[in-house]
Amino acid sequence: MSLQINPSDYESLAVAQTDDGVWRVTLNRPDKRNALDLATVEELVQFFTVAPRAGVRAVVLAGAGDHFCAGLDLIEHHDADRSPAAFMHVCMRWHEAFNKMEYGGVPVIAALHGAVVGGGLELASAAHIRVMDETAYVALPEGQRGLFTGGGATIRVTDLIGKARTVDMMLTGRVYRGQEAVDLGFAQYLVEGSSLELAHEIAQKTAENLPLSNFAICSGVSHMQNMSALDAAYAEAVLAGVVNTQPEARARLAAFADKTGARIRPE
């Protein structure tokens, strides 16, 4: 059953459909540098739960104002004075949101600018493709604030850059930006102008793929990375069996066979 997304249901996020099934999801707390309070996290859970069943073909994830996301809303955290159990459940909601992004099967392209720190970096690392502009910088400053990461940095950021660099960032608050950040794996693209513009172009391109193919790519790779090599090979074969025989692919295969389809060429 197809579901509908109602943009008016969101307050901490600005949610809008652009074209060709591409949706833009913008963290909309610019006065807080888009820090993640619990309400924002709940809206991320809400959107990415519905997205795969609402015809969303791709998502551009962005931040309003001068920054992508400055991480955990430390003011809310300080004022709430949560118990250990209460904050554990907050972290579990973060994991719920980020897992729905990574494993939901809809391509998520993050447009990064300004601060991408702490929980903001954890959020960005749950996207499938990241585009940085020259203002973007990444850091994990929790250690200097008497905190520890709770939104997946030990998992996803470590997958991107390795254990030693993650530990170094946590211990020292080290900041990366520009080409060095891209070379280390924080993002796949670096642009001189707006990261949002290129992120949208990439989203449009991925939206042209068949949804089942995108689902397999955006969920299958992550799942298989969590498996043994033997189990991953089995899962890949099963997934390929389903995806590679989908009826919707027949026209694309026919275009390849009769040489009317586009060929892959270096630019």
Protein backbone atom coordinates (compact mmCIF):
# COMPACT_ATOMS: atom_id res chain seq x y z
CA MET A 1 0.00 0.00 0.00
CA SER A 2 1.38 3.39 -1.03
CA LEU A 3 1.63 6.01 1.70
CA GLN A 4 1.62 9.78 1.47
CA ILE A 5 4.06 12.31 2.90
CA ASN A 6 2.47 15.49 4.20
CA PRO A 7 5.09 18.27 4.54
CA SER A 8 2.89 20.10 7.06
CA ASP A 9 3.42 17.22 9.50
CA TYR A 10 7.04 18.37 9.99
CA GLU A 11 8.30 21.30 12.04
CA SER A 12 11.98 20.67 12.76
CA LEU A 13 12.45 19.46 9.18
CA ALA A 14 11.50 21.29 6.01
CA VAL A 15 10.23 18.56 3.70
CA ALA A 16 9.46 19.20 0.04
CA GLN A 17 9.19 17.22 -3.18
CA THR A 18 11.18 18.71 -6.02
CA ASP A 19 10.77 16.64 -9.19
CA ASP A 20 11.03 13.11 -10.53
CA GLY A 21 10.45 11.58 -7.11
CA VAL A 22 13.33 13.49 -5.46
CA TRP A 23 12.56 14.90 -2.02
CA ARG A 24 14.56 17.48 -0.12
CA VAL A 25 14.76 17.07 3.65
CA THR A 26 16.30 20.09 5.35
CA LEU A 27 17.24 20.33 9.01
CA ASN A 28 15.41 23.53 9.87
CA ARG A 29 16.85 24.85 13.12
CA PRO A 30 19.42 27.32 11.77
CA ASP A 31 19.47 29.36 14.99
CA LYS A 32 20.74 26.19 16.74
CA ARG A 33 23.16 25.32 13.92
CA ASN A 34 20.67 22.52 13.20
CA ALA A 35 21.61 20.68 16.37
CA LEU A 36 19.62 17.48 16.78
CA ASP A 37 17.04 17.62 19.53
CA LEU A 38 14.74 14.68 20.17
CA ALA A 39 11.89 16.22 18.14
CA THR A 40 14.11 16.45 15.06
CA VAL A 41 15.26 12.86 15.46
CA GLU A 42 11.65 11.69 15.74
CA GLU A 43 10.81 13.50 12.50
CA LEU A 44 13.76 11.80 10.78
CA VAL A 45 12.41 8.46 11.98
CA GLN A 46 8.96 9.41 10.69
CA PHE A 47 10.10 10.51 7.24
CA PHE A 48 12.51 7.66 6.54
CA THR A 49 9.99 5.08 7.78
CA VAL A 50 7.45 6.23 5.20
CA ALA A 51 9.80 7.17 2.32
CA PRO A 52 10.32 3.69 0.81
CA ARG A 53 6.54 3.15 0.62
CA ALA A 54 5.63 6.65 -0.54
CA GLY A 55 7.28 6.58 -3.94
CA VAL A 56 10.34 8.56 -2.84
CA ARG A 57 13.01 7.87 -5.47
CA ALA A 58 15.88 9.75 -3.79
CA VAL A 59 16.46 12.19 -0.92
CA VAL A 60 18.68 15.24 -0.66
CA LEU A 61 19.53 15.83 3.00
CA ALA A 62 20.62 19.37 3.83
CA GLY A 63 20.82 21.94 6.61
CA ALA A 64 19.28 25.42 6.68
CA GLY A 65 21.52 28.42 7.30
CA ASP A 66 25.29 28.34 7.61
CA HIS A 67 25.74 24.78 8.89
CA PHE A 68 24.68 21.25 8.09
CA CYS A 69 24.45 20.00 11.68
CA ALA A 70 26.35 20.76 14.88
CA GLY A 71 25.40 17.45 16.51
CA LEU A 72 23.52 16.76 19.71
CA ASP A 73 21.51 19.68 21.09
CA LEU A 74 23.64 20.15 24.18
CA ILE A 75 21.25 22.69 25.71
CA GLU A 76 18.36 20.25 25.57
CA HIS A 77 20.65 17.53 26.92
CA HIS A 78 21.81 19.76 29.80
CA ASP A 79 18.31 20.96 30.69
CA ALA A 80 16.75 17.50 30.51
CA ASP A 81 19.27 16.11 33.02
CA ARG A 82 18.43 12.61 31.83
CA SER A 83 19.09 9.39 33.67
CA PRO A 84 21.48 6.86 32.07
CA ALA A 85 18.50 4.76 30.97
CA ALA A 86 16.68 7.76 29.51
CA PHE A 87 19.67 8.86 27.47
CA MET A 88 20.25 5.30 26.29
CA HIS A 89 16.76 5.38 24.79
CA VAL A 90 17.50 8.74 23.15
CA CYS A 91 20.54 7.14 21.51
CA MET A 92 18.40 4.22 20.37
CA ARG A 93 16.09 6.66 18.58
CA TRP A 94 19.12 8.17 16.83
CA HIS A 95 20.10 4.66 15.72
CA GLU A 96 16.54 4.02 14.56
CA ALA A 97 16.60 7.15 12.37
CA PHE A 98 20.05 6.52 10.94
CA ASN A 99 19.40 2.83 10.32
CA LYS A 100 16.23 3.69 8.40
CA MET A 101 18.33 6.02 6.26
CA GLU A 102 21.14 3.56 5.59
CA TYR A 103 19.06 0.40 5.21
CA GLY A 104 15.78 1.83 3.91
CA GLY A 105 16.64 1.32 0.25
CA VAL A 106 16.15 4.93 -0.89
CA PRO A 107 19.32 6.78 -1.98
CA VAL A 108 20.17 9.56 0.48
CA ILE A 109 22.57 12.24 -0.74
CA ALA A 110 23.84 14.63 1.94
CA ALA A 111 24.77 18.21 1.02
CA LEU A 112 27.38 19.24 3.59
CA HIS A 113 28.40 22.78 4.49
CA GLY A 114 29.68 24.47 7.61
CA ALA A 115 29.72 22.36 10.76
CA VAL A 116 29.36 18.60 10.30
CA VAL A 117 30.40 17.65 13.79
CA GLY A 118 29.54 15.11 16.45
CA GLY A 119 26.05 13.81 15.81
CA GLY A 120 26.02 15.80 12.58
CA LEU A 121 28.86 13.66 11.28
CA GLU A 122 27.04 10.55 12.47
CA LEU A 123 23.96 11.72 10.55
CA ALA A 124 25.99 12.45 7.42
CA SER A 125 27.71 9.07 7.59
CA ALA A 126 24.32 7.35 7.41
CA ALA A 127 23.77 8.88 3.95
CA HIS A 128 24.84 6.89 0.90
CA ILE A 129 26.60 9.75 -0.88
CA ARG A 130 28.07 12.91 0.68
CA VAL A 131 28.93 16.14 -1.14
CA MET A 132 31.06 18.72 0.72
CA ASP A 133 31.56 22.35 -0.14
CA GLU A 134 34.63 24.35 0.86
CA THR A 135 33.02 25.61 4.08
CA ALA A 136 32.36 22.13 5.45
CA TYR A 137 34.40 20.73 8.31
CA VAL A 138 34.07 17.48 10.27
CA ALA A 139 34.97 16.68 13.86
CA LEU A 140 34.03 14.48 16.82
CA PRO A 141 34.41 16.85 19.82
CA GLU A 142 32.55 14.74 22.37
CA GLY A 143 35.69 13.79 24.29
CA GLN A 144 36.50 17.42 25.09
CA ARG A 145 32.97 17.90 26.45
CA GLY A 146 32.98 14.93 28.80
CA LEU A 147 30.78 12.94 26.43
CA PHE A 148 30.93 9.87 24.20
CA THR A 149 29.41 9.36 20.78
CA GLY A 150 25.99 7.70 20.83
CA GLY A 151 24.73 7.89 17.25
CA GLY A 152 26.96 5.47 15.41
CA ALA A 153 30.35 7.17 15.05
CA THR A 154 32.07 4.06 16.33
CA ILE A 155 30.36 2.16 13.51
CA ARG A 156 29.84 4.34 10.44
CA VAL A 157 32.60 6.91 10.83
CA THR A 158 35.03 4.11 11.59
CA ASP A 159 33.85 2.32 8.44
CA LEU A 160 34.66 5.46 6.47
CA ILE A 161 38.08 6.36 7.89
CA GLY A 162 39.31 3.47 10.06
CA LYS A 163 39.62 2.86 13.78
CA ALA A 164 42.85 4.75 14.41
CA ARG A 165 41.61 8.00 12.86
CA THR A 166 38.26 7.76 14.65
CA VAL A 167 39.97 7.32 18.01
CA ASP A 168 42.30 10.22 17.24
CA MET A 169 39.35 12.48 16.40
CA MET A 170 37.55 11.51 19.61
CA LEU A 171 40.59 12.02 21.82
CA THR A 172 41.88 15.25 20.31
CA GLY A 173 38.91 16.93 18.64
CA ARG A 174 40.86 16.97 15.38
CA VAL A 175 39.11 18.79 12.52
CA TYR A 176 39.23 17.78 8.85
CA ARG A 177 38.05 19.77 5.84
CA GLY A 178 38.49 20.18 2.09
CA GLN A 179 40.35 17.72 -0.07
CA GLU A 180 41.95 16.02 2.92
CA ALA A 181 38.49 15.15 4.27
CA VAL A 182 37.44 13.74 0.91
CA ASP A 183 40.67 11.77 0.52
CA LEU A 184 40.13 10.18 3.93
CA GLY A 185 36.59 9.10 2.99
CA PHE A 186 34.31 11.58 4.75
CA ALA A 187 32.71 12.50 1.41
CA GLN A 188 32.82 11.37 -2.19
CA TYR A 189 32.62 14.84 -3.76
CA LEU A 190 34.07 18.30 -3.07
CA VAL A 191 32.67 21.36 -4.83
CA GLU A 192 33.72 24.99 -4.95
CA GLY A 193 30.16 26.28 -5.09
CA SER A 194 26.99 24.91 -3.52
CA SER A 195 27.04 21.32 -2.30
CA LEU A 196 23.24 21.39 -2.55
CA GLU A 197 23.30 21.86 -6.30
CA LEU A 198 25.52 18.85 -6.99
CA ALA A 199 23.70 16.76 -4.38
CA HIS A 200 20.45 17.40 -6.22
CA GLU A 201 22.00 16.49 -9.57
CA ILE A 202 23.22 13.21 -8.10
CA ALA A 203 19.81 12.54 -6.54
CA GLN A 204 18.13 13.09 -9.90
CA LYS A 205 20.55 10.68 -11.55
CA THR A 206 19.97 7.96 -8.95
CA ALA A 207 16.20 8.52 -9.20
CA GLU A 208 16.38 7.39 -12.84
CA ASN A 209 17.37 3.90 -11.69
CA LEU A 210 14.71 1.28 -11.09
CA PRO A 211 13.54 1.44 -7.45
CA LEU A 212 14.29 -2.24 -6.84
CA SER A 213 17.86 -1.79 -8.08
CA ASN A 214 18.32 1.20 -5.77
CA PHE A 215 16.83 -0.76 -2.89
CA ALA A 216 19.33 -3.55 -3.45
CA ILE A 217 22.27 -1.14 -3.64
CA CYS A 218 21.28 1.06 -0.71
CA SER A 219 20.37 -1.73 1.68
CA GLY A 220 22.16 -4.81 0.38
CA VAL A 221 25.73 -3.50 0.49
CA SER A 222 25.37 -2.42 4.12
CA HIS A 223 23.74 -5.68 5.18
CA MET A 224 26.41 -7.74 3.43
CA GLN A 225 29.18 -5.82 5.13
CA ASN A 226 27.75 -7.12 8.42
CA MET A 227 27.95 -10.75 7.28
CA SER A 228 30.68 -13.29 6.94
CA ALA A 229 32.10 -13.55 3.42
CA LEU A 230 30.29 -16.85 2.88
CA ASP A 231 26.92 -15.51 4.03
CA ALA A 232 27.40 -12.30 2.04
CA ALA A 233 28.08 -14.27 -1.15
CA TYR A 234 24.88 -16.24 -0.63
CA ALA A 235 22.84 -13.09 0.09
CA GLU A 236 24.30 -11.32 -2.94
CA ALA A 237 23.37 -14.22 -5.20
CA VAL A 238 19.80 -14.28 -3.90
CA LEU A 239 19.43 -10.50 -4.25
CA ALA A 240 20.87 -10.59 -7.77
CA GLY A 241 18.44 -13.35 -8.67
CA VAL A 242 15.51 -11.14 -7.69
CA VAL A 243 16.76 -7.82 -9.02
CA ASN A 244 18.30 -9.00 -12.27
CA THR A 245 15.11 -10.72 -13.41
CA GLN A 246 12.66 -7.91 -12.59
CA PRO A 247 10.23 -7.32 -15.46
CA GLU A 248 10.88 -3.57 -15.45
CA ALA A 249 14.48 -4.21 -16.45
CA ARG A 250 13.57 -5.92 -19.74
CA ALA A 251 13.41 -2.67 -21.75
CA ARG A 252 16.77 -1.52 -20.42
CA LEU A 253 18.35 -4.87 -21.23
CA ALA A 254 16.83 -4.80 -24.70
CA ALA A 255 18.27 -1.32 -25.33
CA PHE A 256 21.69 -2.62 -24.37
CA ALA A 257 21.31 -5.66 -26.60
CA ASP A 258 20.27 -3.67 -29.69
CA LYS A 259 22.86 -0.94 -28.99
CA THR A 260 20.29 1.85 -28.58
CA GLY A 261 21.07 2.31 -24.92
CA ALA A 262 23.75 4.58 -23.54
CA ARG A 263 27.23 3.13 -23.28
CA ILE A 264 29.61 3.72 -20.42
CA ARG A 265 32.40 5.99 -21.57
CA PRO A 266 35.07 7.95 -19.72
CA GLU A 267 34.48 11.69 -19.85
